[in-house]
């Protein structure tokens, strides 16, 4: 089973956020192991992810350097097959 991480800045009420959530659901329904990764705090679509049992990882850091480091570290250590990035 392929492991896919979908990366977006946050889950506010925007069109790109809605698209990536729908994409994550579609991929999960088609047998992929999907994780959605965000690095800003906004959870408008988090209910949708939990309803569809999609793993959501939040990187909560105050500075851009710390966010970039944690993001890079997560992507390097989890060995995903595919990264889909929005924005």
PDB file of N, CA and C in Angstrom:
ATOM      1  N   UNK A   1       0.841  -1.173   0.000  1.00  0.00           N
ATOM      2  CA  UNK A   1       0.000   0.000   0.000  1.00  0.00           C
ATOM      3  C   UNK A   1       0.890   1.241   0.000  1.00  0.00           C
ATOM      4  N   UNK A   2       0.656   2.134  -0.918  1.00  0.00           N
ATOM      5  CA  UNK A   2       1.432   3.375  -1.006  1.00  0.00           C
ATOM      6  C   UNK A   2       1.040   4.320   0.113  1.00  0.00           C
ATOM      7  N   UNK A   3       2.057   4.985   0.671  1.00  0.00           N
ATOM      8  CA  UNK A   3       1.842   5.993   1.713  1.00  0.00           C
ATOM      9  C   UNK A   3       1.943   7.376   1.077  1.00  0.00           C
ATOM     10  N   UNK A   4       0.889   8.178   1.269  1.00  0.00           N
ATOM     11  CA  UNK A   4       0.819   9.505   0.669  1.00  0.00           C
ATOM     12  C   UNK A   4       0.629  10.539   1.766  1.00  0.00           C
ATOM     13  N   UNK A   5       1.384  11.622   1.681  1.00  0.00           N
ATOM     14  CA  UNK A   5       1.154  12.757   2.568  1.00  0.00           C
ATOM     15  C   UNK A   5       0.678  13.926   1.713  1.00  0.00           C
ATOM     16  N   UNK A   6      -0.416  14.541   2.149  1.00  0.00           N
ATOM     17  CA  UNK A   6      -0.962  15.733   1.501  1.00  0.00           C
ATOM     18  C   UNK A   6      -0.574  16.922   2.370  1.00  0.00           C
ATOM     19  N   UNK A   7       0.129  17.870   1.805  1.00  0.00           N
ATOM     20  CA  UNK A   7       0.683  18.997   2.552  1.00  0.00           C
ATOM     21  C   UNK A   7      -0.016  20.283   2.139  1.00  0.00           C
ATOM     22  N   UNK A   8      -0.492  21.033   3.137  1.00  0.00           N
ATOM     23  CA  UNK A   8      -1.116  22.333   2.903  1.00  0.00           C
ATOM     24  C   UNK A   8      -0.869  23.199   4.128  1.00  0.00           C
ATOM     25  N   UNK A   9      -0.950  24.513   3.971  1.00  0.00           N
ATOM     26  CA  UNK A   9      -0.630  25.412   5.079  1.00  0.00           C
ATOM     27  C   UNK A   9      -1.597  25.279   6.250  1.00  0.00           C
ATOM     28  N   UNK A  10      -2.904  25.270   5.997  1.00  0.00           N
ATOM     29  CA  UNK A  10      -3.889  25.157   7.075  1.00  0.00           C
ATOM     30  C   UNK A  10      -5.180  24.575   6.534  1.00  0.00           C
ATOM     31  N   UNK A  11      -6.173  24.445   7.401  1.00  0.00           N
ATOM     32  CA  UNK A  11      -7.467  23.903   6.989  1.00  0.00           C
ATOM     33  C   UNK A  11      -8.574  24.931   7.156  1.00  0.00           C
ATOM     34  N   UNK A  12      -8.318  26.178   6.770  1.00  0.00           N
ATOM     35  CA  UNK A  12      -9.379  27.182   6.868  1.00  0.00           C
ATOM     36  C   UNK A  12     -10.416  26.937   5.772  1.00  0.00           C
ATOM     37  N   UNK A  13     -11.390  27.810   5.653  1.00  0.00           N
ATOM     38  CA  UNK A  13     -12.532  27.589   4.760  1.00  0.00           C
ATOM     39  C   UNK A  13     -12.246  28.032   3.328  1.00  0.00           C
ATOM     40  N   UNK A  14     -11.161  27.599   2.756  1.00  0.00           N
ATOM     41  CA  UNK A  14     -10.806  27.985   1.394  1.00  0.00           C
ATOM     42  C   UNK A  14     -11.005  26.859   0.400  1.00  0.00           C
ATOM     43  N   UNK A  15     -10.929  27.204  -0.873  1.00  0.00           N
ATOM     44  CA  UNK A  15     -11.131  26.226  -1.936  1.00  0.00           C
ATOM     45  C   UNK A  15     -10.031  25.189  -2.027  1.00  0.00           C
ATOM     46  N   UNK A  16      -8.772  25.606  -1.880  1.00  0.00           N
ATOM     47  CA  UNK A  16      -7.657  24.653  -1.944  1.00  0.00           C
ATOM     48  C   UNK A  16      -7.730  23.669  -0.776  1.00  0.00           C
ATOM     49  N   UNK A  17      -8.118  24.157   0.383  1.00  0.00           N
ATOM     50  CA  UNK A  17      -8.240  23.288   1.553  1.00  0.00           C
ATOM     51  C   UNK A  17      -9.344  22.257   1.344  1.00  0.00           C
ATOM     52  N   UNK A  18     -10.457  22.695   0.778  1.00  0.00           N
ATOM     53  CA  UNK A  18     -11.561  21.770   0.482  1.00  0.00           C
ATOM     54  C   UNK A  18     -11.100  20.718  -0.533  1.00  0.00           C
ATOM     55  N   UNK A  19     -10.394  21.144  -1.569  1.00  0.00           N
ATOM     56  CA  UNK A  19      -9.924  20.212  -2.595  1.00  0.00           C
ATOM     57  C   UNK A  19      -8.977  19.165  -2.025  1.00  0.00           C
ATOM     58  N   UNK A  20      -8.042  19.585  -1.179  1.00  0.00           N
ATOM     59  CA  UNK A  20      -7.076  18.613  -0.658  1.00  0.00           C
ATOM     60  C   UNK A  20      -7.744  17.642   0.308  1.00  0.00           C
ATOM     61  N   UNK A  21      -8.756  18.104   1.045  1.00  0.00           N
ATOM     62  CA  UNK A  21      -9.500  17.197   1.931  1.00  0.00           C
ATOM     63  C   UNK A  21     -10.283  16.172   1.114  1.00  0.00           C
ATOM     64  N   UNK A  22     -10.931  16.627   0.037  1.00  0.00           N
ATOM     65  CA  UNK A  22     -11.668  15.710  -0.838  1.00  0.00           C
ATOM     66  C   UNK A  22     -10.713  14.738  -1.529  1.00  0.00           C
ATOM     67  N   UNK A  23      -9.547  15.238  -1.932  1.00  0.00           N
ATOM     68  CA  UNK A  23      -8.545  14.373  -2.548  1.00  0.00           C
ATOM     69  C   UNK A  23      -8.063  13.309  -1.561  1.00  0.00           C
ATOM     70  N   UNK A  24      -7.812  13.714  -0.322  1.00  0.00           N
ATOM     71  CA  UNK A  24      -7.369  12.757   0.703  1.00  0.00           C
ATOM     72  C   UNK A  24      -8.430  11.673   0.919  1.00  0.00           C
ATOM     73  N   UNK A  25      -9.692  12.069   0.951  1.00  0.00           N
ATOM     74  CA  UNK A  25     -10.777  11.086   1.114  1.00  0.00           C
ATOM     75  C   UNK A  25     -10.810  10.134  -0.077  1.00  0.00           C
ATOM     76  N   UNK A  26     -10.707  10.676  -1.297  1.00  0.00           N
ATOM     77  CA  UNK A  26     -10.717   9.857  -2.502  1.00  0.00           C
ATOM     78  C   UNK A  26      -9.569   8.847  -2.484  1.00  0.00           C
ATOM     79  N   UNK A  27      -8.379   9.299  -2.130  1.00  0.00           N
ATOM     80  CA  UNK A  27      -7.222   8.406  -2.086  1.00  0.00           C
ATOM     81  C   UNK A  27      -7.408   7.312  -1.039  1.00  0.00           C
ATOM     82  N   UNK A  28      -7.925   7.683   0.127  1.00  0.00           N
ATOM     83  CA  UNK A  28      -8.151   6.700   1.188  1.00  0.00           C
ATOM     84  C   UNK A  28      -9.172   5.651   0.746  1.00  0.00           C
ATOM     85  N   UNK A  29     -10.236   6.103   0.094  1.00  0.00           N
ATOM     86  CA  UNK A  29     -11.261   5.169  -0.383  1.00  0.00           C
ATOM     87  C   UNK A  29     -10.715   4.219  -1.454  1.00  0.00           C
ATOM     88  N   UNK A  30      -9.640   4.615  -2.119  1.00  0.00           N
ATOM     89  CA  UNK A  30      -9.038   3.780  -3.154  1.00  0.00           C
ATOM     90  C   UNK A  30      -7.824   3.002  -2.665  1.00  0.00           C
ATOM     91  N   UNK A  31      -7.706   2.847  -1.351  1.00  0.00           N
ATOM     92  CA  UNK A  31      -6.727   1.939  -0.778  1.00  0.00           C
ATOM     93  C   UNK A  31      -5.373   2.508  -0.410  1.00  0.00           C
ATOM     94  N   UNK A  32      -5.206   3.822  -0.453  1.00  0.00           N
ATOM     95  CA  UNK A  32      -3.931   4.422  -0.085  1.00  0.00           C
ATOM     96  C   UNK A  32      -3.916   4.782   1.405  1.00  0.00           C
ATOM     97  N   UNK A  33      -2.743   4.771   1.976  1.00  0.00           N
ATOM     98  CA  UNK A  33      -2.552   5.223   3.358  1.00  0.00           C
ATOM     99  C   UNK A  33      -2.265   6.722   3.286  1.00  0.00           C
ATOM    100  N   UNK A  34      -3.215   7.560   3.740  1.00  0.00           N
ATOM    101  CA  UNK A  34      -3.138   9.003   3.543  1.00  0.00           C
ATOM    102  C   UNK A  34      -2.988   9.726   4.879  1.00  0.00           C
ATOM    103  N   UNK A  35      -2.084  10.700   4.903  1.00  0.00           N
ATOM    104  CA  UNK A  35      -1.910  11.609   6.033  1.00  0.00           C
ATOM    105  C   UNK A  35      -1.973  13.027   5.494  1.00  0.00           C
ATOM    106  N   UNK A  36      -2.698  13.895   6.196  1.00  0.00           N
ATOM    107  CA  UNK A  36      -2.747  15.300   5.819  1.00  0.00           C
ATOM    108  C   UNK A  36      -1.895  16.080   6.810  1.00  0.00           C
ATOM    109  N   UNK A  37      -0.987  16.889   6.311  1.00  0.00           N
ATOM    110  CA  UNK A  37      -0.023  17.616   7.132  1.00  0.00           C
ATOM    111  C   UNK A  37      -0.238  19.113   6.968  1.00  0.00           C
ATOM    112  N   UNK A  38      -0.401  19.832   8.085  1.00  0.00           N
ATOM    113  CA  UNK A  38      -0.559  21.293   8.058  1.00  0.00           C
ATOM    114  C   UNK A  38       0.479  21.931   8.974  1.00  0.00           C
ATOM    115  N   UNK A  39       0.774  23.210   8.693  1.00  0.00           N
ATOM    116  CA  UNK A  39       1.764  23.904   9.505  1.00  0.00           C
ATOM    117  C   UNK A  39       1.285  25.257  10.029  1.00  0.00           C
ATOM    118  N   UNK A  40       0.027  25.587   9.863  1.00  0.00           N
ATOM    119  CA  UNK A  40      -0.604  26.742  10.518  1.00  0.00           C
ATOM    120  C   UNK A  40      -1.876  26.270  11.193  1.00  0.00           C
ATOM    121  N   UNK A  41      -2.250  26.937  12.269  1.00  0.00           N
ATOM    122  CA  UNK A  41      -3.403  26.536  13.060  1.00  0.00           C
ATOM    123  C   UNK A  41      -4.693  27.120  12.492  1.00  0.00           C
ATOM    124  N   UNK A  42      -5.492  26.320  11.865  1.00  0.00           N
ATOM    125  CA  UNK A  42      -6.837  26.659  11.421  1.00  0.00           C
ATOM    126  C   UNK A  42      -7.496  25.335  11.085  1.00  0.00           C
ATOM    127  N   UNK A  43      -8.623  25.047  11.711  1.00  0.00           N
ATOM    128  CA  UNK A  43      -9.180  23.700  11.640  1.00  0.00           C
ATOM    129  C   UNK A  43     -10.604  23.628  11.111  1.00  0.00           C
ATOM    130  N   UNK A  44     -10.953  24.459  10.160  1.00  0.00           N
ATOM    131  CA  UNK A  44     -12.312  24.450   9.633  1.00  0.00           C
ATOM    132  C   UNK A  44     -12.700  23.073   9.080  1.00  0.00           C
ATOM    133  N   UNK A  45     -11.801  22.407   8.375  1.00  0.00           N
ATOM    134  CA  UNK A  45     -12.102  21.111   7.762  1.00  0.00           C
ATOM    135  C   UNK A  45     -11.658  19.913   8.602  1.00  0.00           C
ATOM    136  N   UNK A  46     -11.230  20.127   9.828  1.00  0.00           N
ATOM    137  CA  UNK A  46     -10.771  18.994  10.644  1.00  0.00           C
ATOM    138  C   UNK A  46     -11.904  18.009  10.936  1.00  0.00           C
ATOM    139  N   UNK A  47     -13.143  18.505  11.040  1.00  0.00           N
ATOM    140  CA  UNK A  47     -14.285  17.605  11.243  1.00  0.00           C
ATOM    141  C   UNK A  47     -14.411  16.623  10.077  1.00  0.00           C
ATOM    142  N   UNK A  48     -14.173  17.101   8.859  1.00  0.00           N
ATOM    143  CA  UNK A  48     -14.272  16.273   7.663  1.00  0.00           C
ATOM    144  C   UNK A  48     -13.220  15.168   7.683  1.00  0.00           C
ATOM    145  N   UNK A  49     -12.019  15.525   8.121  1.00  0.00           N
ATOM    146  CA  UNK A  49     -10.941  14.534   8.192  1.00  0.00           C
ATOM    147  C   UNK A  49     -11.242  13.480   9.247  1.00  0.00           C
ATOM    148  N   UNK A  50     -11.705  13.906  10.418  1.00  0.00           N
ATOM    149  CA  UNK A  50     -11.999  12.928  11.468  1.00  0.00           C
ATOM    150  C   UNK A  50     -13.191  12.059  11.085  1.00  0.00           C
ATOM    151  N   UNK A  51     -14.190  12.628  10.428  1.00  0.00           N
ATOM    152  CA  UNK A  51     -15.361  11.859   9.977  1.00  0.00           C
ATOM    153  C   UNK A  51     -14.957  10.767   8.994  1.00  0.00           C
ATOM    154  N   UNK A  52     -13.962  11.056   8.161  1.00  0.00           N
ATOM    155  CA  UNK A  52     -13.498  10.100   7.158  1.00  0.00           C
ATOM    156  C   UNK A  52     -12.256   9.323   7.596  1.00  0.00           C
ATOM    157  N   UNK A  53     -11.887   9.463   8.861  1.00  0.00           N
ATOM    158  CA  UNK A  53     -10.767   8.720   9.462  1.00  0.00           C
ATOM    159  C   UNK A  53      -9.453   8.920   8.711  1.00  0.00           C
ATOM    160  N   UNK A  54      -9.173  10.198   8.402  1.00  0.00           N
ATOM    161  CA  UNK A  54      -7.924  10.568   7.741  1.00  0.00           C
ATOM    162  C   UNK A  54      -6.997  11.159   8.791  1.00  0.00           C
ATOM    163  N   UNK A  55      -5.794  10.635   8.871  1.00  0.00           N
ATOM    164  CA  UNK A  55      -4.819  11.099   9.848  1.00  0.00           C
ATOM    165  C   UNK A  55      -4.416  12.545   9.539  1.00  0.00           C
ATOM    166  N   UNK A  56      -4.425  13.402  10.564  1.00  0.00           N
ATOM    167  CA  UNK A  56      -4.065  14.813  10.398  1.00  0.00           C
ATOM    168  C   UNK A  56      -2.936  15.148  11.360  1.00  0.00           C
ATOM    169  N   UNK A  57      -1.809  15.567  10.843  1.00  0.00           N
ATOM    170  CA  UNK A  57      -0.656  15.970  11.638  1.00  0.00           C
ATOM    171  C   UNK A  57      -0.519  17.485  11.550  1.00  0.00           C
ATOM    172  N   UNK A  58      -0.398  18.134  12.717  1.00  0.00           N
ATOM    173  CA  UNK A  58      -0.204  19.585  12.764  1.00  0.00           C
ATOM    174  C   UNK A  58       1.195  19.883  13.258  1.00  0.00           C
ATOM    175  N   UNK A  59       1.879  20.769  12.574  1.00  0.00           N
ATOM    176  CA  UNK A  59       3.179  21.243  13.039  1.00  0.00           C
ATOM    177  C   UNK A  59       2.938  22.613  13.666  1.00  0.00           C
ATOM    178  N   UNK A  60       3.042  22.678  14.973  1.00  0.00           N
ATOM    179  CA  UNK A  60       2.777  23.915  15.700  1.00  0.00           C
ATOM    180  C   UNK A  60       4.083  24.498  16.224  1.00  0.00           C
ATOM    181  N   UNK A  61       4.617  25.443  15.517  1.00  0.00           N
ATOM    182  CA  UNK A  61       5.833  26.144  15.926  1.00  0.00           C
ATOM    183  C   UNK A  61       5.630  27.633  15.690  1.00  0.00           C
ATOM    184  N   UNK A  62       6.321  28.447  16.464  1.00  0.00           N
ATOM    185  CA  UNK A  62       6.147  29.892  16.380  1.00  0.00           C
ATOM    186  C   UNK A  62       6.951  30.548  15.261  1.00  0.00           C
ATOM    187  N   UNK A  63       8.113  30.030  14.962  1.00  0.00           N
ATOM    188  CA  UNK A  63       8.959  30.675  13.958  1.00  0.00           C
ATOM    189  C   UNK A  63       8.969  29.865  12.659  1.00  0.00           C
ATOM    190  N   UNK A  64       9.224  30.552  11.563  1.00  0.00           N
ATOM    191  CA  UNK A  64       9.265  29.889  10.263  1.00  0.00           C
ATOM    192  C   UNK A  64      10.392  28.871  10.181  1.00  0.00           C
ATOM    193  N   UNK A  65      11.503  29.178  10.821  1.00  0.00           N
ATOM    194  CA  UNK A  65      12.646  28.256  10.789  1.00  0.00           C
ATOM    195  C   UNK A  65      12.305  26.956  11.502  1.00  0.00           C
ATOM    196  N   UNK A  66      11.670  27.063  12.664  1.00  0.00           N
ATOM    197  CA  UNK A  66      11.274  25.855  13.401  1.00  0.00           C
ATOM    198  C   UNK A  66      10.233  25.059  12.629  1.00  0.00           C
ATOM    199  N   UNK A  67       9.288  25.755  11.999  1.00  0.00           N
ATOM    200  CA  UNK A  67       8.275  25.065  11.191  1.00  0.00           C
ATOM    201  C   UNK A  67       8.939  24.317  10.041  1.00  0.00           C
ATOM    202  N   UNK A  68       9.842  24.989   9.345  1.00  0.00           N
ATOM    203  CA  UNK A  68      10.525  24.369   8.211  1.00  0.00           C
ATOM    204  C   UNK A  68      11.339  23.156   8.666  1.00  0.00           C
ATOM    205  N   UNK A  69      12.012  23.274   9.792  1.00  0.00           N
ATOM    206  CA  UNK A  69      12.810  22.164  10.323  1.00  0.00           C
ATOM    207  C   UNK A  69      11.924  20.966  10.653  1.00  0.00           C
ATOM    208  N   UNK A  70      10.817  21.211  11.367  1.00  0.00           N
ATOM    209  CA  UNK A  70       9.920  20.111  11.757  1.00  0.00           C
ATOM    210  C   UNK A  70       9.258  19.483  10.534  1.00  0.00           C
ATOM    211  N   UNK A  71       8.903  20.308   9.569  1.00  0.00           N
ATOM    212  CA  UNK A  71       8.302  19.809   8.341  1.00  0.00           C
ATOM    213  C   UNK A  71       9.291  18.919   7.593  1.00  0.00           C
ATOM    214  N   UNK A  72      10.504  19.398   7.424  1.00  0.00           N
ATOM    215  CA  UNK A  72      11.551  18.627   6.755  1.00  0.00           C
ATOM    216  C   UNK A  72      11.832  17.324   7.510  1.00  0.00           C
ATOM    217  N   UNK A  73      11.918  17.413   8.816  1.00  0.00           N
ATOM    218  CA  UNK A  73      12.189  16.229   9.635  1.00  0.00           C
ATOM    219  C   UNK A  73      11.067  15.194   9.496  1.00  0.00           C
ATOM    220  N   UNK A  74       9.819  15.658   9.530  1.00  0.00           N
ATOM    221  CA  UNK A  74       8.688  14.737   9.376  1.00  0.00           C
ATOM    222  C   UNK A  74       8.745  14.032   8.020  1.00  0.00           C
ATOM    223  N   UNK A  75       8.960  14.800   6.969  1.00  0.00           N
ATOM    224  CA  UNK A  75       8.975  14.211   5.630  1.00  0.00           C
ATOM    225  C   UNK A  75      10.146  13.252   5.435  1.00  0.00           C
ATOM    226  N   UNK A  76      11.283  13.533   6.058  1.00  0.00           N
ATOM    227  CA  UNK A  76      12.458  12.652   5.921  1.00  0.00           C
ATOM    228  C   UNK A  76      12.311  11.365   6.717  1.00  0.00           C
ATOM    229  N   UNK A  77      11.680  11.419   7.878  1.00  0.00           N
ATOM    230  CA  UNK A  77      11.648  10.245   8.762  1.00  0.00           C
ATOM    231  C   UNK A  77      10.480   9.309   8.520  1.00  0.00           C
ATOM    232  N   UNK A  78       9.417   9.756   7.907  1.00  0.00           N
ATOM    233  CA  UNK A  78       8.225   8.913   7.754  1.00  0.00           C
ATOM    234  C   UNK A  78       8.199   8.094   6.479  1.00  0.00           C
ATOM    235  N   UNK A  79       9.105   8.347   5.558  1.00  0.00           N
ATOM    236  CA  UNK A  79       9.249   7.537   4.339  1.00  0.00           C
ATOM    237  C   UNK A  79       7.954   7.364   3.544  1.00  0.00           C
ATOM    238  N   UNK A  80       7.314   8.471   3.244  1.00  0.00           N
ATOM    239  CA  UNK A  80       6.144   8.425   2.377  1.00  0.00           C
ATOM    240  C   UNK A  80       6.587   8.181   0.934  1.00  0.00           C
ATOM    241  N   UNK A  81       5.720   7.561   0.166  1.00  0.00           N
ATOM    242  CA  UNK A  81       6.013   7.305  -1.236  1.00  0.00           C
ATOM    243  C   UNK A  81       5.749   8.540  -2.100  1.00  0.00           C
ATOM    244  N   UNK A  82       4.727   9.301  -1.730  1.00  0.00           N
ATOM    245  CA  UNK A  82       4.306  10.457  -2.529  1.00  0.00           C
ATOM    246  C   UNK A  82       3.975  11.609  -1.603  1.00  0.00           C
ATOM    247  N   UNK A  83       4.363  12.835  -2.001  1.00  0.00           N
ATOM    248  CA  UNK A  83       3.976  14.050  -1.308  1.00  0.00           C
ATOM    249  C   UNK A  83       3.193  14.907  -2.304  1.00  0.00           C
ATOM    250  N   UNK A  84       1.967  15.276  -1.912  1.00  0.00           N
ATOM    251  CA  UNK A  84       1.144  16.173  -2.725  1.00  0.00           C
ATOM    252  C   UNK A  84       1.053  17.477  -1.961  1.00  0.00           C
ATOM    253  N   UNK A  85       1.592  18.544  -2.535  1.00  0.00           N
ATOM    254  CA  UNK A  85       1.646  19.829  -1.833  1.00  0.00           C
ATOM    255  C   UNK A  85       0.760  20.857  -2.534  1.00  0.00           C
ATOM    256  N   UNK A  86      -0.036  21.567  -1.736  1.00  0.00           N
ATOM    257  CA  UNK A  86      -0.866  22.667  -2.207  1.00  0.00           C
ATOM    258  C   UNK A  86      -0.318  23.949  -1.612  1.00  0.00           C
ATOM    259  N   UNK A  87      -0.455  25.035  -2.332  1.00  0.00           N
ATOM    260  CA  UNK A  87      -0.043  26.386  -1.918  1.00  0.00           C
ATOM    261  C   UNK A  87       1.447  26.427  -1.709  1.00  0.00           C
TER     262      UNK A  87
END
